[in-house]
Amino acid sequence: MVPMDVIGDDEDSEPNASVADRDSNSETRFYTCHVCGDNWLSVKESYMGDHTVTFVHQMGMSPELKRIAHIEPPVAARSGTVDHWEYYLDDEEISPQAWHDKLITRRKVLKSICSN
C-alpha cells in the first residue's frame, strides 16, 4: 500500500481556533489495498494538545466505518503509542469486536468483487 497525500481546500481546519491553538502538523492520506480493494482515509490532527489519527472506511452509500486513535505524543498510531481507540459505525460508537467484524465482512465482500 502506498499512501497518497490529500490536500483539502482549507488547511486551517478549525475556523475559530487562535493561531497559537492550531498545529500545522495535520495531514491527510488516502490508502488503497491492492489485495482486497479496500480504501480508507487517514487524518492526523493536533488541536490544543489533543492528538488524534482518524481512519475512515467508506464504499458508496454503505455505512462508514471509522476509528479514532488518541495518541500522546503525536507519533504514528501503533499499538504501543495509542492511549485509547474509539470505534464507530456511521456516527454510533460500537465495540471494538463489532467494528473488526464489520471490517472483515467488508473486506471479504470487496475481495470477492475484485476476484470476479
N, C-alpha and C. Protein backbone atom coordinates (compact mmCIF):
# COMPACT_ATOMS: atom_id res chain seq x y z
N MET A 1 0.83 -1.17 0.00
CA MET A 1 0.00 0.00 0.00
C MET A 1 0.88 1.24 0.00
N VAL A 2 0.62 2.12 -0.90
CA VAL A 2 1.35 3.38 -0.99
C VAL A 2 0.37 4.50 -0.72
N PRO A 3 0.59 5.30 0.33
CA PRO A 3 -0.35 6.37 0.62
C PRO A 3 -0.22 7.51 -0.38
N MET A 4 -1.34 8.17 -0.62
CA MET A 4 -1.35 9.38 -1.43
C MET A 4 -1.72 10.54 -0.52
N ASP A 5 -0.97 11.63 -0.58
CA ASP A 5 -1.32 12.80 0.21
C ASP A 5 -2.57 13.44 -0.37
N VAL A 6 -3.44 13.89 0.51
CA VAL A 6 -4.67 14.57 0.11
C VAL A 6 -4.58 15.99 0.61
N ILE A 7 -4.78 16.94 -0.29
CA ILE A 7 -4.73 18.34 0.08
C ILE A 7 -6.14 18.90 -0.02
N GLY A 8 -6.67 19.38 1.13
CA GLY A 8 -8.01 19.93 1.16
C GLY A 8 -8.02 21.39 0.74
N ASP A 9 -9.22 21.92 0.53
CA ASP A 9 -9.38 23.32 0.17
C ASP A 9 -8.94 24.24 1.29
N ASP A 10 -9.22 23.82 2.53
CA ASP A 10 -8.95 24.68 3.68
C ASP A 10 -8.04 23.94 4.64
N GLU A 11 -6.77 24.28 4.66
CA GLU A 11 -5.82 23.60 5.54
C GLU A 11 -5.93 24.09 6.98
N ASP A 12 -6.57 25.22 7.23
CA ASP A 12 -6.82 25.70 8.60
C ASP A 12 -8.11 25.06 9.07
N SER A 13 -8.01 23.87 9.66
CA SER A 13 -9.16 23.03 9.91
C SER A 13 -10.14 23.60 10.94
N GLU A 14 -9.71 24.31 11.90
CA GLU A 14 -10.57 24.79 12.98
C GLU A 14 -10.76 26.30 12.81
N PRO A 15 -11.92 26.74 12.28
CA PRO A 15 -12.09 28.15 11.95
C PRO A 15 -12.04 29.09 13.14
N ASN A 16 -12.43 28.63 14.32
CA ASN A 16 -12.46 29.51 15.49
C ASN A 16 -11.21 29.40 16.35
N ALA A 17 -10.24 28.63 15.92
CA ALA A 17 -9.03 28.43 16.71
C ALA A 17 -8.08 29.61 16.53
N SER A 18 -7.44 29.97 17.62
CA SER A 18 -6.43 31.02 17.52
C SER A 18 -5.19 30.44 16.86
N VAL A 19 -4.31 31.30 16.39
CA VAL A 19 -3.09 30.83 15.73
C VAL A 19 -2.27 29.99 16.69
N ALA A 20 -2.26 30.33 17.97
CA ALA A 20 -1.49 29.56 18.95
C ALA A 20 -2.06 28.17 19.17
N ASP A 21 -3.41 28.01 18.99
CA ASP A 21 -4.04 26.71 19.22
C ASP A 21 -3.89 25.77 18.03
N ARG A 22 -3.69 26.28 16.83
CA ARG A 22 -3.59 25.44 15.64
C ARG A 22 -2.23 24.77 15.58
N ASP A 23 -2.23 23.58 15.04
CA ASP A 23 -0.98 22.85 14.84
C ASP A 23 -0.86 22.56 13.35
N SER A 24 0.20 22.99 12.76
CA SER A 24 0.36 22.84 11.31
C SER A 24 0.75 21.41 10.92
N ASN A 25 0.76 20.48 11.87
CA ASN A 25 1.16 19.11 11.58
C ASN A 25 0.00 18.23 11.15
N SER A 26 -1.15 18.80 10.82
CA SER A 26 -2.26 17.99 10.33
C SER A 26 -1.92 17.45 8.96
N GLU A 27 -2.28 16.21 8.73
CA GLU A 27 -2.03 15.63 7.42
C GLU A 27 -3.12 14.61 7.10
N THR A 28 -3.43 14.48 5.83
CA THR A 28 -4.46 13.57 5.36
C THR A 28 -3.86 12.70 4.28
N ARG A 29 -4.12 11.40 4.36
CA ARG A 29 -3.61 10.46 3.35
C ARG A 29 -4.70 9.48 2.97
N PHE A 30 -4.67 9.05 1.71
CA PHE A 30 -5.63 8.09 1.18
C PHE A 30 -4.87 6.81 0.87
N TYR A 31 -5.42 5.68 1.33
CA TYR A 31 -4.77 4.38 1.11
C TYR A 31 -5.69 3.47 0.32
N THR A 32 -5.10 2.62 -0.50
CA THR A 32 -5.83 1.59 -1.22
C THR A 32 -5.08 0.28 -1.07
N CYS A 33 -5.82 -0.77 -0.71
CA CYS A 33 -5.24 -2.10 -0.62
C CYS A 33 -5.43 -2.79 -1.96
N HIS A 34 -4.36 -3.23 -2.59
CA HIS A 34 -4.44 -3.86 -3.90
C HIS A 34 -4.82 -5.34 -3.81
N VAL A 35 -4.92 -5.87 -2.60
CA VAL A 35 -5.32 -7.27 -2.42
C VAL A 35 -6.84 -7.37 -2.32
N CYS A 36 -7.45 -6.55 -1.42
CA CYS A 36 -8.90 -6.67 -1.22
C CYS A 36 -9.68 -5.50 -1.82
N GLY A 37 -9.01 -4.46 -2.27
CA GLY A 37 -9.71 -3.34 -2.87
C GLY A 37 -10.25 -2.32 -1.89
N ASP A 38 -9.92 -2.46 -0.61
CA ASP A 38 -10.42 -1.53 0.39
C ASP A 38 -9.71 -0.18 0.24
N ASN A 39 -10.43 0.88 0.53
CA ASN A 39 -9.89 2.23 0.52
C ASN A 39 -10.17 2.86 1.89
N TRP A 40 -9.24 3.65 2.37
CA TRP A 40 -9.52 4.39 3.59
C TRP A 40 -8.72 5.67 3.61
N LEU A 41 -9.22 6.58 4.40
CA LEU A 41 -8.63 7.89 4.55
C LEU A 41 -8.09 7.98 5.97
N SER A 42 -6.87 8.48 6.13
CA SER A 42 -6.35 8.72 7.48
C SER A 42 -6.13 10.22 7.63
N VAL A 43 -6.61 10.73 8.76
CA VAL A 43 -6.49 12.16 9.05
C VAL A 43 -5.80 12.29 10.40
N LYS A 44 -4.60 12.87 10.38
CA LYS A 44 -3.84 13.09 11.61
C LYS A 44 -4.02 14.55 11.99
N GLU A 45 -4.50 14.80 13.21
CA GLU A 45 -4.78 16.16 13.65
C GLU A 45 -4.24 16.39 15.05
N SER A 46 -3.84 17.61 15.30
CA SER A 46 -3.45 18.05 16.63
C SER A 46 -4.18 19.35 16.91
N TYR A 47 -4.89 19.39 18.03
CA TYR A 47 -5.64 20.59 18.38
C TYR A 47 -5.64 20.76 19.90
N MET A 48 -5.05 21.83 20.35
CA MET A 48 -4.99 22.18 21.77
C MET A 48 -4.50 21.02 22.63
N GLY A 49 -3.44 20.37 22.21
CA GLY A 49 -2.83 19.29 22.99
C GLY A 49 -3.45 17.93 22.79
N ASP A 50 -4.56 17.83 22.05
CA ASP A 50 -5.19 16.55 21.77
C ASP A 50 -4.72 16.08 20.40
N HIS A 51 -4.09 14.92 20.35
CA HIS A 51 -3.55 14.39 19.10
C HIS A 51 -4.35 13.15 18.72
N THR A 52 -4.92 13.17 17.52
CA THR A 52 -5.72 12.04 17.05
C THR A 52 -5.34 11.65 15.63
N VAL A 53 -5.58 10.38 15.33
CA VAL A 53 -5.50 9.88 13.96
C VAL A 53 -6.83 9.19 13.72
N THR A 54 -7.55 9.64 12.70
CA THR A 54 -8.86 9.08 12.35
C THR A 54 -8.72 8.29 11.05
N PHE A 55 -9.22 7.06 11.07
CA PHE A 55 -9.22 6.20 9.89
C PHE A 55 -10.67 6.02 9.46
N VAL A 56 -10.99 6.37 8.21
CA VAL A 56 -12.36 6.31 7.71
C VAL A 56 -12.41 5.36 6.52
N HIS A 57 -13.31 4.34 6.59
CA HIS A 57 -13.55 3.38 5.51
C HIS A 57 -14.97 3.61 5.02
N GLN A 58 -15.14 3.87 3.73
CA GLN A 58 -16.49 4.00 3.19
C GLN A 58 -16.49 3.54 1.74
N MET A 59 -17.59 2.89 1.35
CA MET A 59 -17.73 2.43 -0.01
C MET A 59 -19.13 2.82 -0.49
N GLY A 60 -19.21 3.74 -1.41
CA GLY A 60 -20.51 4.18 -1.92
C GLY A 60 -21.38 4.71 -0.81
N MET A 61 -22.60 4.22 -0.73
CA MET A 61 -23.54 4.68 0.28
C MET A 61 -23.59 3.76 1.49
N SER A 62 -22.72 2.76 1.54
CA SER A 62 -22.72 1.84 2.67
C SER A 62 -22.29 2.56 3.94
N PRO A 63 -22.61 2.00 5.10
CA PRO A 63 -22.22 2.66 6.35
C PRO A 63 -20.72 2.89 6.43
N GLU A 64 -20.38 3.94 7.08
CA GLU A 64 -18.99 4.35 7.23
C GLU A 64 -18.41 3.69 8.48
N LEU A 65 -17.26 3.05 8.32
CA LEU A 65 -16.52 2.51 9.46
C LEU A 65 -15.44 3.51 9.79
N LYS A 66 -15.36 3.86 11.06
CA LYS A 66 -14.38 4.87 11.47
C LYS A 66 -13.80 4.46 12.81
N ARG A 67 -12.50 4.69 12.97
CA ARG A 67 -11.89 4.51 14.29
C ARG A 67 -10.93 5.66 14.53
N ILE A 68 -10.85 6.06 15.78
CA ILE A 68 -10.05 7.22 16.15
C ILE A 68 -9.04 6.79 17.20
N ALA A 69 -7.76 7.05 16.92
CA ALA A 69 -6.69 6.77 17.88
C ALA A 69 -6.34 8.07 18.59
N HIS A 70 -6.35 8.02 19.91
CA HIS A 70 -5.90 9.15 20.71
C HIS A 70 -4.47 8.84 21.12
N ILE A 71 -3.55 9.68 20.67
CA ILE A 71 -2.14 9.38 20.87
C ILE A 71 -1.44 10.51 21.61
N GLU A 72 -0.42 10.13 22.33
CA GLU A 72 0.41 11.11 23.05
C GLU A 72 1.80 10.54 23.14
N PRO A 73 2.81 11.15 22.71
CA PRO A 73 2.89 12.37 21.91
C PRO A 73 2.47 12.09 20.47
N PRO A 74 2.39 13.12 19.64
CA PRO A 74 1.90 12.93 18.27
C PRO A 74 2.88 12.16 17.39
N VAL A 75 2.78 10.85 17.45
CA VAL A 75 3.63 9.96 16.65
C VAL A 75 2.72 9.05 15.83
N ALA A 76 3.28 8.07 15.19
CA ALA A 76 2.49 7.12 14.41
C ALA A 76 1.54 6.34 15.32
N ALA A 77 0.35 6.04 14.81
CA ALA A 77 -0.64 5.30 15.58
C ALA A 77 -0.32 3.81 15.54
N ARG A 78 0.48 3.38 16.48
CA ARG A 78 0.81 1.96 16.64
C ARG A 78 0.30 1.53 18.00
N SER A 79 0.13 0.25 18.20
CA SER A 79 -0.48 -0.24 19.43
C SER A 79 0.22 0.26 20.69
N GLY A 80 1.53 0.45 20.64
CA GLY A 80 2.25 0.92 21.82
C GLY A 80 2.14 2.41 22.08
N THR A 81 1.68 3.18 21.10
CA THR A 81 1.61 4.64 21.26
C THR A 81 0.19 5.17 21.39
N VAL A 82 -0.82 4.31 21.23
CA VAL A 82 -2.21 4.75 21.30
C VAL A 82 -2.70 4.67 22.75
N ASP A 83 -3.20 5.82 23.26
CA ASP A 83 -3.79 5.84 24.60
C ASP A 83 -5.08 5.04 24.62
N HIS A 84 -5.96 5.31 23.67
CA HIS A 84 -7.20 4.53 23.52
C HIS A 84 -7.79 4.76 22.13
N TRP A 85 -8.62 3.80 21.71
CA TRP A 85 -9.29 3.85 20.41
C TRP A 85 -10.78 4.08 20.64
N GLU A 86 -11.43 4.74 19.69
CA GLU A 86 -12.88 4.85 19.64
C GLU A 86 -13.30 4.23 18.30
N TYR A 87 -14.37 3.42 18.32
CA TYR A 87 -14.83 2.72 17.12
C TYR A 87 -16.25 3.16 16.79
N TYR A 88 -16.52 3.43 15.50
CA TYR A 88 -17.82 3.93 15.08
C TYR A 88 -18.32 3.21 13.84
N LEU A 89 -19.63 3.03 13.76
CA LEU A 89 -20.35 2.65 12.56
C LEU A 89 -21.26 3.83 12.28
N ASP A 90 -21.00 4.55 11.20
CA ASP A 90 -21.58 5.87 10.96
C ASP A 90 -21.22 6.75 12.16
N ASP A 91 -22.18 7.31 12.84
CA ASP A 91 -21.87 8.17 14.00
C ASP A 91 -22.13 7.49 15.33
N GLU A 92 -22.44 6.19 15.28
CA GLU A 92 -22.76 5.45 16.51
C GLU A 92 -21.51 4.71 17.00
N GLU A 93 -21.14 4.94 18.25
CA GLU A 93 -19.98 4.24 18.81
C GLU A 93 -20.34 2.78 19.02
N ILE A 94 -19.43 1.88 18.61
CA ILE A 94 -19.66 0.44 18.73
C ILE A 94 -18.44 -0.19 19.41
N SER A 95 -18.58 -1.46 19.77
CA SER A 95 -17.49 -2.17 20.44
C SER A 95 -16.37 -2.46 19.44
N PRO A 96 -15.14 -2.60 19.94
CA PRO A 96 -14.03 -2.94 19.04
C PRO A 96 -14.28 -4.24 18.28
N GLN A 97 -14.85 -5.26 18.93
CA GLN A 97 -15.10 -6.54 18.26
C GLN A 97 -16.12 -6.37 17.14
N ALA A 98 -17.19 -5.62 17.37
CA ALA A 98 -18.19 -5.38 16.33
C ALA A 98 -17.57 -4.63 15.15
N TRP A 99 -16.70 -3.67 15.45
CA TRP A 99 -16.04 -2.90 14.39
C TRP A 99 -15.15 -3.80 13.54
N HIS A 100 -14.35 -4.63 14.19
CA HIS A 100 -13.46 -5.54 13.46
C HIS A 100 -14.26 -6.55 12.64
N ASP A 101 -15.39 -7.04 13.19
CA ASP A 101 -16.25 -7.96 12.44
C ASP A 101 -16.79 -7.29 11.18
N LYS A 102 -17.24 -6.04 11.30
CA LYS A 102 -17.75 -5.29 10.14
C LYS A 102 -16.63 -5.09 9.10
N LEU A 103 -15.42 -4.80 9.56
CA LEU A 103 -14.30 -4.60 8.65
C LEU A 103 -13.95 -5.89 7.91
N ILE A 104 -13.94 -7.00 8.62
CA ILE A 104 -13.64 -8.30 8.00
C ILE A 104 -14.69 -8.63 6.94
N THR A 105 -15.97 -8.43 7.28
CA THR A 105 -17.05 -8.68 6.32
C THR A 105 -16.91 -7.78 5.11
N ARG A 106 -16.61 -6.51 5.34
CA ARG A 106 -16.43 -5.55 4.24
C ARG A 106 -15.33 -6.01 3.31
N ARG A 107 -14.20 -6.43 3.87
CA ARG A 107 -13.06 -6.83 3.05
C ARG A 107 -13.33 -8.13 2.30
N LYS A 108 -14.10 -9.04 2.88
CA LYS A 108 -14.49 -10.26 2.16
C LYS A 108 -15.33 -9.92 0.94
N VAL A 109 -16.28 -8.99 1.11
CA VAL A 109 -17.12 -8.57 0.00
C VAL A 109 -16.28 -7.90 -1.07
N LEU A 110 -15.41 -6.99 -0.66
CA LEU A 110 -14.55 -6.30 -1.63
C LEU A 110 -13.64 -7.27 -2.37
N LYS A 111 -13.09 -8.23 -1.64
CA LYS A 111 -12.18 -9.20 -2.28
C LYS A 111 -12.94 -10.07 -3.28
N SER A 112 -14.17 -10.44 -2.94
CA SER A 112 -14.96 -11.25 -3.89
C SER A 112 -15.30 -10.45 -5.15
N ILE A 113 -15.55 -9.15 -4.98
CA ILE A 113 -15.82 -8.30 -6.14
C ILE A 113 -14.57 -8.17 -7.02
N CYS A 114 -13.42 -7.99 -6.38
CA CYS A 114 -12.16 -7.86 -7.13
C CYS A 114 -11.77 -9.12 -7.86
N SER A 115 -12.11 -10.29 -7.30
CA SER A 115 -11.67 -11.53 -7.91
C SER A 115 -12.66 -12.06 -8.94
N ASN A 116 -13.83 -11.45 -9.06
CA ASN A 116 -14.82 -11.91 -10.06
C ASN A 116 -14.75 -11.12 -11.32
